[in-house]
Structures are given as structure tokens and as C-alpha cells.
């Protein structure tokens, strides 16, 4: 009986710790001045088809109904918590643009946020990361800068694997503050 009680208490403590850390991250977001990376919402599969074209969404991996709903929930999370946003930038990939559209409505595309997952796009990685870091270093907003992008871009910036729809918060020096998955 004692062992079961310890297990239950451990699980309860873990849940409370996650809730508390989410509250701390939300308070940080409310202050503004953060860099917020969001991996695009759920888009079944991996990578893009061989006939992929940036100008044709029908050739890309796209959000499914679950991804659209997840995107809407991201927007609701920002609105409900009154998180200030200066600008929303998105990769040019349709799944990122759709995530930004359903979550925030207004956004601009920025090619430094594009995927370099496939072999033919890896040559762009160094330039993109350099351009992205340069943009971030020059940004000086009072709200938050929201960047909707891909797994590989976030991994390259913070060396952390992220889930679809995960919200990752960094300071201006690109130091990890926290992340939110359940919004």
C-alpha cells in the first residue's frame, strides 16, 4: 500500500510541477520581448513528396483536420492568456502558413524559416540560419516575435526535438525559457 501511495504522490507532484512551469512560461510570454518558435501543427507523414513544389500546396504534406484544430487551439491559447504579439512570421511551406493562418490570421512569410530536411534543400541551411539569427538580433519589439517553422529549424537553433504544434519560448539570446505542448 505504501508503495502505491508513493507512486500516486509522485505522479501528482509531476502534474503540479508541469502546471506550475506552464504558468511561469505564460507569465514570461505576457511580459513580451520573447522569441516564440512554433513547429507547424499536425501534418501526417514525414518530409515532403518527391514532386514537392513550394508554389503548389497539393504537392506538399498538409495539415489534416486534427492539425487545423490544433492550430486554432494555439490561437485560442494566445488570446485567452492575452499574450502580446508584435509579428508572426511563417515558413513558405503550406503547413506552416496554414498553422499561422488558423492560429493568428495575420502573418508574413520568411524564407529563413523554410525546411531544409530534404537532401536537395540542405544546401540552404547555413544561409537560412544565419539570416534567421540576424533577423532575431535586429528585432526589438515589445510584444513577442512568433516564428512558425519546421522541426529541423528549431532543432538547429536550440538543439531540442519538438512535437507538432509545440510552442518553444526563447529569450533574445536564443536561450531556452520553456515550452508548452498542452494549451
N, C-alpha and C. Protein backbone atom coordinates (compact mmCIF):
# COMPACT_ATOMS: atom_id res chain seq x y z
N UNK A 1 0.83 -1.19 0.00
CA UNK A 1 0.00 0.00 0.00
C UNK A 1 0.87 1.26 0.00
N UNK A 2 1.93 1.23 0.80
CA UNK A 2 2.82 2.39 0.91
C UNK A 2 3.46 2.71 -0.44
N UNK A 3 3.84 1.69 -1.19
CA UNK A 3 4.48 1.89 -2.50
C UNK A 3 3.50 2.52 -3.49
N UNK A 4 2.22 2.09 -3.47
CA UNK A 4 1.21 2.67 -4.35
C UNK A 4 0.98 4.14 -4.02
N UNK A 5 0.96 4.47 -2.75
CA UNK A 5 0.77 5.85 -2.32
C UNK A 5 1.92 6.72 -2.81
N UNK A 6 3.14 6.21 -2.73
CA UNK A 6 4.31 6.96 -3.21
C UNK A 6 4.22 7.21 -4.71
N UNK A 7 3.77 6.20 -5.44
CA UNK A 7 3.63 6.35 -6.89
C UNK A 7 2.57 7.41 -7.21
N UNK A 8 1.44 7.37 -6.55
CA UNK A 8 0.37 8.35 -6.77
C UNK A 8 0.87 9.76 -6.42
N UNK A 9 1.57 9.91 -5.30
CA UNK A 9 2.10 11.21 -4.89
C UNK A 9 3.14 11.72 -5.90
N UNK A 10 3.96 10.82 -6.41
CA UNK A 10 4.96 11.21 -7.41
C UNK A 10 4.30 11.72 -8.68
N UNK A 11 3.27 11.01 -9.13
CA UNK A 11 2.55 11.43 -10.34
C UNK A 11 1.87 12.78 -10.10
N UNK A 12 1.23 12.95 -8.96
CA UNK A 12 0.57 14.20 -8.62
C UNK A 12 1.58 15.36 -8.58
N UNK A 13 2.74 15.13 -7.99
CA UNK A 13 3.79 16.15 -7.93
C UNK A 13 4.27 16.51 -9.32
N UNK A 14 4.44 15.53 -10.18
CA UNK A 14 4.86 15.77 -11.55
C UNK A 14 3.83 16.62 -12.30
N UNK A 15 2.56 16.31 -12.12
CA UNK A 15 1.49 17.08 -12.77
C UNK A 15 1.50 18.52 -12.26
N UNK A 16 1.60 18.70 -10.96
CA UNK A 16 1.63 20.05 -10.39
C UNK A 16 2.85 20.83 -10.87
N UNK A 17 3.99 20.18 -10.98
CA UNK A 17 5.21 20.83 -11.45
C UNK A 17 5.03 21.31 -12.88
N UNK A 18 4.43 20.47 -13.75
CA UNK A 18 4.18 20.88 -15.14
C UNK A 18 3.21 22.04 -15.21
N UNK A 19 2.15 22.02 -14.40
CA UNK A 19 1.19 23.13 -14.38
C UNK A 19 1.90 24.40 -13.92
N UNK A 20 2.70 24.29 -12.88
CA UNK A 20 3.42 25.44 -12.35
C UNK A 20 4.40 25.99 -13.39
N UNK A 21 5.14 25.10 -14.08
CA UNK A 21 6.10 25.58 -15.07
C UNK A 21 5.38 26.22 -16.26
N UNK A 22 4.19 25.70 -16.65
CA UNK A 22 3.41 26.34 -17.71
C UNK A 22 2.99 27.74 -17.28
N UNK A 23 2.59 27.90 -16.02
CA UNK A 23 2.19 29.21 -15.52
C UNK A 23 3.36 30.20 -15.57
N UNK A 24 4.56 29.75 -15.25
CA UNK A 24 5.74 30.60 -15.29
C UNK A 24 6.03 31.02 -16.73
N UNK A 25 5.93 30.08 -17.67
CA UNK A 25 6.17 30.37 -19.08
C UNK A 25 5.11 31.35 -19.60
N UNK A 26 3.87 31.15 -19.23
CA UNK A 26 2.79 32.06 -19.66
C UNK A 26 3.05 33.47 -19.14
N UNK A 27 3.46 33.59 -17.89
CA UNK A 27 3.78 34.91 -17.33
C UNK A 27 4.92 35.57 -18.10
N UNK A 28 5.91 34.79 -18.49
CA UNK A 28 7.03 35.32 -19.28
C UNK A 28 6.52 35.81 -20.65
N UNK A 29 5.63 35.04 -21.26
CA UNK A 29 5.06 35.44 -22.55
C UNK A 29 4.25 36.73 -22.43
N UNK A 30 3.53 36.90 -21.33
CA UNK A 30 2.73 38.11 -21.13
C UNK A 30 3.61 39.36 -21.03
N UNK A 31 4.84 39.20 -20.57
CA UNK A 31 5.77 40.33 -20.46
C UNK A 31 6.22 40.81 -21.84
N UNK A 32 6.25 39.91 -22.83
CA UNK A 32 6.69 40.26 -24.17
C UNK A 32 8.21 40.21 -24.29
N UNK A 33 8.69 40.52 -25.50
CA UNK A 33 10.12 40.53 -25.75
C UNK A 33 10.74 39.16 -25.96
N UNK A 34 9.91 38.15 -26.17
CA UNK A 34 10.40 36.78 -26.34
C UNK A 34 10.40 36.38 -27.82
N UNK A 35 11.21 35.37 -28.11
CA UNK A 35 11.21 34.73 -29.42
C UNK A 35 10.41 33.44 -29.24
N UNK A 36 9.35 33.28 -30.00
CA UNK A 36 8.46 32.13 -29.85
C UNK A 36 8.48 31.32 -31.14
N UNK A 37 9.07 30.14 -31.06
CA UNK A 37 9.07 29.21 -32.19
C UNK A 37 7.88 28.28 -32.02
N UNK A 38 7.16 28.05 -33.11
CA UNK A 38 6.07 27.07 -33.11
C UNK A 38 6.32 26.12 -34.27
N UNK A 39 6.43 24.84 -33.93
CA UNK A 39 6.50 23.85 -35.01
C UNK A 39 5.10 23.73 -35.59
N UNK A 40 5.02 23.68 -36.91
CA UNK A 40 3.71 23.57 -37.56
C UNK A 40 2.87 22.49 -36.90
N UNK A 41 1.57 22.65 -36.99
CA UNK A 41 0.63 21.70 -36.40
C UNK A 41 0.69 20.37 -37.16
N UNK A 42 -0.10 19.42 -36.69
CA UNK A 42 -0.07 18.05 -37.20
C UNK A 42 -0.34 17.99 -38.70
N UNK A 43 0.63 17.43 -39.40
CA UNK A 43 0.55 17.18 -40.84
C UNK A 43 1.08 15.77 -41.05
N UNK A 44 0.19 14.79 -41.21
CA UNK A 44 0.61 13.39 -41.26
C UNK A 44 1.73 13.12 -42.26
N UNK A 45 2.61 12.20 -41.87
CA UNK A 45 3.72 11.80 -42.72
C UNK A 45 5.02 12.43 -42.26
N UNK A 46 6.03 12.34 -43.12
CA UNK A 46 7.33 12.91 -42.80
C UNK A 46 7.97 13.43 -44.08
N UNK A 47 8.62 14.58 -43.98
CA UNK A 47 9.23 15.17 -45.18
C UNK A 47 8.16 15.59 -46.17
N UNK A 48 8.54 15.72 -47.42
CA UNK A 48 7.59 16.08 -48.48
C UNK A 48 7.71 15.09 -49.62
N UNK A 49 6.64 14.94 -50.40
CA UNK A 49 6.69 14.04 -51.55
C UNK A 49 7.77 14.46 -52.56
N UNK A 50 8.20 13.53 -53.40
CA UNK A 50 9.22 13.81 -54.39
C UNK A 50 8.84 14.90 -55.38
N UNK A 51 7.54 15.06 -55.63
CA UNK A 51 7.09 16.08 -56.58
C UNK A 51 6.80 17.42 -55.91
N UNK A 52 7.30 17.61 -54.71
CA UNK A 52 7.08 18.82 -53.91
C UNK A 52 7.40 20.09 -54.69
N UNK A 53 6.46 21.04 -54.60
CA UNK A 53 6.68 22.39 -55.15
C UNK A 53 6.19 23.40 -54.14
N UNK A 54 7.00 24.38 -53.87
CA UNK A 54 6.68 25.40 -52.88
C UNK A 54 5.43 26.18 -53.26
N UNK A 55 5.18 26.36 -54.54
CA UNK A 55 4.05 27.16 -55.01
C UNK A 55 2.77 26.34 -55.22
N UNK A 56 2.76 25.08 -54.79
CA UNK A 56 1.60 24.22 -55.02
C UNK A 56 1.35 23.35 -53.79
N UNK A 57 0.38 23.77 -52.98
CA UNK A 57 0.09 23.04 -51.74
C UNK A 57 -0.32 21.59 -51.98
N UNK A 58 -0.89 21.30 -53.13
CA UNK A 58 -1.33 19.93 -53.40
C UNK A 58 -0.14 18.96 -53.53
N UNK A 59 1.08 19.48 -53.67
CA UNK A 59 2.26 18.63 -53.77
C UNK A 59 2.97 18.49 -52.43
N UNK A 60 2.42 19.08 -51.38
CA UNK A 60 3.07 19.11 -50.07
C UNK A 60 2.31 18.28 -49.05
N UNK A 61 2.99 17.98 -47.95
CA UNK A 61 2.35 17.42 -46.77
C UNK A 61 1.59 18.57 -46.12
N UNK A 62 0.33 18.37 -45.82
CA UNK A 62 -0.52 19.45 -45.29
C UNK A 62 -1.17 19.07 -43.97
N UNK A 63 -1.71 20.09 -43.31
CA UNK A 63 -2.45 19.85 -42.08
C UNK A 63 -3.67 18.99 -42.38
N UNK A 64 -3.97 18.09 -41.46
CA UNK A 64 -5.24 17.36 -41.55
C UNK A 64 -6.22 18.07 -40.62
N UNK A 65 -7.40 17.53 -40.43
CA UNK A 65 -8.40 18.18 -39.58
C UNK A 65 -7.89 18.33 -38.14
N UNK A 66 -7.12 17.37 -37.67
CA UNK A 66 -6.54 17.45 -36.33
C UNK A 66 -5.53 18.60 -36.27
N UNK A 67 -4.75 18.78 -37.32
CA UNK A 67 -3.78 19.87 -37.37
C UNK A 67 -4.44 21.23 -37.43
N UNK A 68 -5.54 21.32 -38.17
CA UNK A 68 -6.29 22.58 -38.23
C UNK A 68 -6.84 22.93 -36.85
N UNK A 69 -7.41 21.94 -36.18
CA UNK A 69 -7.94 22.16 -34.83
C UNK A 69 -6.81 22.53 -33.86
N UNK A 70 -5.68 21.87 -33.97
CA UNK A 70 -4.54 22.19 -33.12
C UNK A 70 -4.09 23.64 -33.36
N UNK A 71 -4.07 24.08 -34.60
CA UNK A 71 -3.70 25.46 -34.93
C UNK A 71 -4.66 26.45 -34.28
N UNK A 72 -5.93 26.16 -34.37
CA UNK A 72 -6.94 27.04 -33.75
C UNK A 72 -6.73 27.12 -32.24
N UNK A 73 -6.39 25.99 -31.63
CA UNK A 73 -6.16 25.98 -30.17
C UNK A 73 -4.93 26.81 -29.80
N UNK A 74 -3.94 26.83 -30.66
CA UNK A 74 -2.77 27.68 -30.41
C UNK A 74 -3.21 29.14 -30.35
N UNK A 75 -4.01 29.55 -31.32
CA UNK A 75 -4.52 30.92 -31.33
C UNK A 75 -5.36 31.24 -30.11
N UNK A 76 -6.22 30.31 -29.72
CA UNK A 76 -7.04 30.49 -28.52
C UNK A 76 -6.15 30.64 -27.29
N UNK A 77 -5.10 29.85 -27.20
CA UNK A 77 -4.16 29.94 -26.08
C UNK A 77 -3.56 31.35 -25.98
N UNK A 78 -3.10 31.89 -27.11
CA UNK A 78 -2.51 33.24 -27.10
C UNK A 78 -3.56 34.29 -26.72
N UNK A 79 -4.78 34.17 -27.27
CA UNK A 79 -5.84 35.13 -26.96
C UNK A 79 -6.28 35.04 -25.51
N UNK A 80 -6.55 33.82 -25.06
CA UNK A 80 -7.05 33.61 -23.70
C UNK A 80 -6.06 34.15 -22.66
N UNK A 81 -4.78 33.99 -22.92
CA UNK A 81 -3.76 34.43 -21.97
C UNK A 81 -3.28 35.86 -22.24
N UNK A 82 -3.91 36.53 -23.19
CA UNK A 82 -3.59 37.92 -23.52
C UNK A 82 -2.08 38.11 -23.74
N UNK A 83 -1.52 37.25 -24.58
CA UNK A 83 -0.09 37.28 -24.89
C UNK A 83 0.12 38.26 -26.06
N UNK A 84 0.91 39.30 -25.83
CA UNK A 84 1.13 40.29 -26.89
C UNK A 84 2.03 39.76 -28.01
N UNK A 85 1.65 40.07 -29.23
CA UNK A 85 2.40 39.62 -30.40
C UNK A 85 2.76 40.83 -31.24
N UNK A 86 4.04 40.97 -31.55
CA UNK A 86 4.48 42.03 -32.46
C UNK A 86 4.34 41.60 -33.91
N UNK A 87 4.79 40.39 -34.20
CA UNK A 87 4.81 39.94 -35.58
C UNK A 87 4.77 38.42 -35.61
N UNK A 88 4.11 37.88 -36.63
CA UNK A 88 4.08 36.44 -36.87
C UNK A 88 4.71 36.21 -38.23
N UNK A 89 5.78 35.42 -38.24
CA UNK A 89 6.45 35.04 -39.48
C UNK A 89 6.31 33.55 -39.66
N UNK A 90 6.18 33.12 -40.91
CA UNK A 90 5.99 31.70 -41.20
C UNK A 90 6.91 31.26 -42.32
N UNK A 91 7.27 30.00 -42.27
CA UNK A 91 7.91 29.34 -43.41
C UNK A 91 6.98 29.47 -44.61
N UNK A 92 7.51 29.31 -45.79
CA UNK A 92 6.71 29.37 -47.01
C UNK A 92 5.96 28.07 -47.29
N UNK A 93 6.22 27.01 -46.51
CA UNK A 93 5.52 25.73 -46.67
C UNK A 93 4.06 25.91 -46.26
N UNK A 94 3.17 25.27 -46.98
CA UNK A 94 1.72 25.42 -46.73
C UNK A 94 1.32 25.00 -45.33
N UNK A 95 1.92 23.94 -44.78
CA UNK A 95 1.53 23.50 -43.44
C UNK A 95 1.88 24.54 -42.38
N UNK A 96 2.96 25.30 -42.60
CA UNK A 96 3.33 26.38 -41.67
C UNK A 96 2.42 27.58 -41.87
N UNK A 97 2.19 27.95 -43.13
CA UNK A 97 1.31 29.09 -43.42
C UNK A 97 -0.10 28.81 -42.88
N UNK A 98 -0.58 27.58 -43.04
CA UNK A 98 -1.91 27.24 -42.53
C UNK A 98 -1.94 27.28 -41.00
N UNK A 99 -0.89 26.80 -40.36
CA UNK A 99 -0.82 26.89 -38.90
C UNK A 99 -0.91 28.34 -38.47
N UNK A 100 -0.14 29.22 -39.11
CA UNK A 100 -0.14 30.65 -38.78
C UNK A 100 -1.51 31.27 -39.06
N UNK A 101 -2.10 30.90 -40.19
CA UNK A 101 -3.40 31.46 -40.57
C UNK A 101 -4.50 31.08 -39.58
N UNK A 102 -4.59 29.79 -39.24
CA UNK A 102 -5.64 29.35 -38.32
C UNK A 102 -5.40 29.83 -36.89
N UNK A 103 -4.15 30.01 -36.51
CA UNK A 103 -3.84 30.45 -35.14
C UNK A 103 -3.91 31.96 -35.00
N UNK A 104 -3.34 32.69 -35.96
CA UNK A 104 -3.15 34.13 -35.78
C UNK A 104 -3.80 34.99 -36.85
N UNK A 105 -4.26 34.41 -37.93
CA UNK A 105 -4.86 35.09 -39.08
C UNK A 105 -3.83 35.89 -39.87
N UNK A 106 -3.17 36.88 -39.27
CA UNK A 106 -2.21 37.72 -39.99
C UNK A 106 -0.78 37.22 -39.78
N UNK A 107 -0.06 37.08 -40.89
CA UNK A 107 1.33 36.64 -40.83
C UNK A 107 2.02 37.02 -42.12
N UNK A 108 3.33 36.97 -42.10
CA UNK A 108 4.15 37.17 -43.30
C UNK A 108 5.03 35.94 -43.45
N UNK A 109 5.42 35.62 -44.66
CA UNK A 109 6.36 34.52 -44.85
C UNK A 109 7.79 35.04 -44.80
N UNK A 110 8.68 34.14 -44.39
CA UNK A 110 10.11 34.46 -44.26
C UNK A 110 10.88 33.21 -44.64
N UNK A 111 11.64 33.27 -45.73
CA UNK A 111 12.28 32.06 -46.25
C UNK A 111 13.34 31.47 -45.33
N UNK A 112 13.84 32.23 -44.37
CA UNK A 112 14.80 31.68 -43.41
C UNK A 112 14.16 30.63 -42.51
N UNK A 113 12.83 30.59 -42.47
CA UNK A 113 12.11 29.61 -41.65
C UNK A 113 11.76 28.34 -42.44
N UNK A 114 12.12 28.29 -43.72
CA UNK A 114 11.80 27.14 -44.56
C UNK A 114 12.55 25.89 -44.11
N UNK A 115 11.98 24.76 -44.44
CA UNK A 115 12.61 23.48 -44.12
C UNK A 115 13.86 23.25 -44.96
N UNK A 116 14.82 22.56 -44.36
CA UNK A 116 15.99 22.07 -45.10
C UNK A 116 16.18 20.59 -44.80
N UNK A 117 15.05 19.92 -44.59
CA UNK A 117 15.04 18.49 -44.25
C UNK A 117 15.52 17.62 -45.41
N UNK A 118 15.03 17.91 -46.61
CA UNK A 118 15.38 17.05 -47.74
C UNK A 118 16.80 17.32 -48.22
N UNK A 119 17.36 16.33 -48.86
CA UNK A 119 18.74 16.41 -49.37
C UNK A 119 18.94 17.63 -50.27
N UNK A 120 17.97 17.89 -51.16
CA UNK A 120 18.15 18.99 -52.11
C UNK A 120 18.06 20.37 -51.45
N UNK A 121 17.52 20.45 -50.24
CA UNK A 121 17.40 21.74 -49.56
C UNK A 121 18.46 21.98 -48.50
N UNK A 122 19.25 20.95 -48.16
CA UNK A 122 20.26 21.09 -47.10
C UNK A 122 21.29 22.17 -47.41
N UNK A 123 21.51 22.43 -48.67
CA UNK A 123 22.49 23.45 -49.06
C UNK A 123 22.07 24.85 -48.57
N UNK A 124 20.79 25.03 -48.26
CA UNK A 124 20.27 26.33 -47.80
C UNK A 124 20.41 26.53 -46.29
N UNK A 125 20.71 25.48 -45.56
CA UNK A 125 20.68 25.52 -44.10
C UNK A 125 21.54 26.64 -43.51
N UNK A 126 22.80 26.72 -43.84
CA UNK A 126 23.69 27.70 -43.22
C UNK A 126 23.22 29.13 -43.49
N UNK A 127 22.82 29.41 -44.73
CA UNK A 127 22.34 30.75 -45.07
C UNK A 127 21.07 31.08 -44.30
N UNK A 128 20.14 30.13 -44.27
CA UNK A 128 18.88 30.36 -43.57
C UNK A 128 19.10 30.64 -42.09
N UNK A 129 19.90 29.82 -41.43
CA UNK A 129 20.13 30.00 -40.00
C UNK A 129 20.83 31.34 -39.75
N UNK A 130 21.77 31.68 -40.59
CA UNK A 130 22.45 32.99 -40.47
C UNK A 130 21.44 34.13 -40.62
N UNK A 131 20.58 34.06 -41.65
CA UNK A 131 19.57 35.10 -41.88
C UNK A 131 18.56 35.17 -40.73
N UNK A 132 18.18 34.02 -40.21
CA UNK A 132 17.23 33.98 -39.10
C UNK A 132 17.83 34.61 -37.85
N UNK A 133 19.04 34.24 -37.52
CA UNK A 133 19.70 34.81 -36.33
C UNK A 133 19.91 36.32 -36.50
N UNK A 134 20.22 36.75 -37.69
CA UNK A 134 20.40 38.18 -37.97
C UNK A 134 19.08 38.92 -37.75
N UNK A 135 17.99 38.36 -38.27
CA UNK A 135 16.67 38.98 -38.10
C UNK A 135 16.32 39.09 -36.62
N UNK A 136 16.53 38.00 -35.90
CA UNK A 136 16.21 37.98 -34.46
C UNK A 136 17.06 39.00 -33.71
N UNK A 137 18.34 39.09 -34.04
CA UNK A 137 19.22 40.03 -33.33
C UNK A 137 18.81 41.48 -33.55
N UNK A 138 18.20 41.77 -34.70
CA UNK A 138 17.76 43.14 -35.01
C UNK A 138 16.35 43.44 -34.50
N UNK A 139 15.60 42.40 -34.21
CA UNK A 139 14.22 42.60 -33.75
C UNK A 139 14.25 43.20 -32.34
N UNK A 140 13.41 44.19 -32.13
CA UNK A 140 13.39 44.86 -30.83
C UNK A 140 11.97 45.23 -30.45
N UNK A 141 11.07 44.27 -30.49
CA UNK A 141 9.67 44.54 -30.20
C UNK A 141 9.34 44.46 -28.73
N UNK A 142 8.20 45.03 -28.40
CA UNK A 142 7.72 44.96 -27.02
C UNK A 142 6.86 43.73 -26.78
N UNK A 143 6.19 43.25 -27.84
CA UNK A 143 5.41 42.03 -27.73
C UNK A 143 6.33 40.84 -27.97
N UNK A 144 5.79 39.77 -28.49
CA UNK A 144 6.58 38.58 -28.79
C UNK A 144 6.71 38.41 -30.30
N UNK A 145 7.83 37.87 -30.73
CA UNK A 145 8.05 37.53 -32.13
C UNK A 145 7.72 36.05 -32.29
N UNK A 146 6.71 35.75 -33.11
CA UNK A 146 6.26 34.37 -33.31
C UNK A 146 6.78 33.87 -34.65
N UNK A 147 7.45 32.72 -34.63
CA UNK A 147 8.06 32.12 -35.82
C UNK A 147 7.49 30.72 -36.02
N UNK A 148 6.70 30.54 -37.05
CA UNK A 148 6.08 29.23 -37.34
C UNK A 148 6.97 28.53 -38.36
N UNK A 149 7.50 27.38 -37.98
CA UNK A 149 8.52 26.75 -38.80
C UNK A 149 8.50 25.24 -38.67
N UNK A 150 9.62 24.61 -38.94
CA UNK A 150 9.74 23.16 -39.04
C UNK A 150 10.64 22.61 -37.92
N UNK A 151 10.50 21.32 -37.72
CA UNK A 151 11.30 20.58 -36.74
C UNK A 151 12.79 20.87 -36.91
N UNK A 152 13.31 20.78 -38.14
CA UNK A 152 14.75 20.89 -38.38
C UNK A 152 15.28 22.28 -38.05
N UNK A 153 14.48 23.31 -38.28
CA UNK A 153 14.91 24.68 -37.98
C UNK A 153 15.02 24.86 -36.47
N UNK A 154 13.99 24.43 -35.74
CA UNK A 154 14.00 24.57 -34.28
C UNK A 154 15.13 23.73 -33.69
N UNK A 155 15.31 22.52 -34.19
CA UNK A 155 16.39 21.65 -33.71
C UNK A 155 17.74 22.33 -33.91
N UNK A 156 17.94 22.96 -35.04
CA UNK A 156 19.21 23.63 -35.34
C UNK A 156 19.44 24.83 -34.41
N UNK A 157 18.39 25.55 -34.07
CA UNK A 157 18.51 26.74 -33.23
C UNK A 157 18.74 26.38 -31.76
N UNK A 158 17.97 25.42 -31.23
CA UNK A 158 18.06 25.14 -29.78
C UNK A 158 18.51 23.73 -29.44
N UNK A 159 18.77 22.91 -30.44
CA UNK A 159 19.22 21.53 -30.20
C UNK A 159 18.23 20.77 -29.30
N UNK A 160 16.94 20.94 -29.60
CA UNK A 160 15.88 20.26 -28.84
C UNK A 160 14.83 19.76 -29.82
N UNK A 161 14.47 18.51 -29.69
CA UNK A 161 13.40 17.93 -30.51
C UNK A 161 12.07 18.47 -30.02
N UNK A 162 11.17 18.78 -30.97
CA UNK A 162 9.87 19.34 -30.61
C UNK A 162 8.76 18.58 -31.33
N UNK A 163 7.59 18.61 -30.74
CA UNK A 163 6.41 17.96 -31.31
C UNK A 163 5.65 18.91 -32.22
N UNK A 164 4.80 18.37 -33.05
CA UNK A 164 3.93 19.20 -33.89
C UNK A 164 3.09 20.10 -32.99
N UNK A 165 3.07 21.39 -33.31
CA UNK A 165 2.29 22.35 -32.54
C UNK A 165 2.93 22.80 -31.23
N UNK A 166 4.11 22.33 -30.93
CA UNK A 166 4.77 22.73 -29.68
C UNK A 166 5.20 24.20 -29.78
N UNK A 167 4.99 24.92 -28.69
CA UNK A 167 5.35 26.33 -28.57
C UNK A 167 6.63 26.39 -27.74
N UNK A 168 7.70 26.92 -28.32
CA UNK A 168 9.01 26.99 -27.65
C UNK A 168 9.36 28.46 -27.43
N UNK A 169 9.66 28.81 -26.19
CA UNK A 169 9.93 30.20 -25.84
C UNK A 169 11.42 30.37 -25.54
N UNK A 170 12.02 31.37 -26.21
CA UNK A 170 13.43 31.69 -26.03
C UNK A 170 13.55 33.16 -25.69
N UNK A 171 14.66 33.51 -25.05
CA UNK A 171 14.92 34.94 -24.88
C UNK A 171 15.62 35.45 -26.12
N UNK A 172 15.94 36.71 -26.14
CA UNK A 172 16.54 37.35 -27.32
C UNK A 172 17.91 36.75 -27.66
N UNK A 173 18.58 36.15 -26.68
CA UNK A 173 19.88 35.50 -26.91
C UNK A 173 19.72 34.04 -27.34
N UNK A 174 18.48 33.64 -27.60
CA UNK A 174 18.13 32.28 -28.02
C UNK A 174 18.37 31.25 -26.92
N UNK A 175 18.29 31.69 -25.67
CA UNK A 175 18.36 30.77 -24.54
C UNK A 175 16.96 30.25 -24.25
N UNK A 176 16.87 28.96 -24.02
CA UNK A 176 15.59 28.29 -23.79
C UNK A 176 14.96 28.74 -22.48
N UNK A 177 13.70 29.17 -22.54
CA UNK A 177 12.94 29.55 -21.34
C UNK A 177 12.00 28.41 -20.96
N UNK A 178 11.31 27.86 -21.95
CA UNK A 178 10.38 26.78 -21.68
C UNK A 178 9.58 26.47 -22.93
N UNK A 179 8.71 25.47 -22.81
CA UNK A 179 7.84 25.14 -23.92
C UNK A 179 6.48 24.72 -23.40
N UNK A 180 5.51 24.84 -24.27
CA UNK A 180 4.13 24.47 -23.92
C UNK A 180 3.61 23.54 -25.01
N UNK A 181 3.10 22.42 -24.58
CA UNK A 181 2.55 21.44 -25.51
C UNK A 181 1.04 21.35 -25.36
N UNK A 182 0.59 21.40 -24.12
CA UNK A 182 -0.85 21.27 -23.84
C UNK A 182 -1.43 22.64 -23.56
N UNK A 183 -2.09 23.17 -24.57
CA UNK A 183 -2.67 24.51 -24.42
C UNK A 183 -4.15 24.37 -24.49
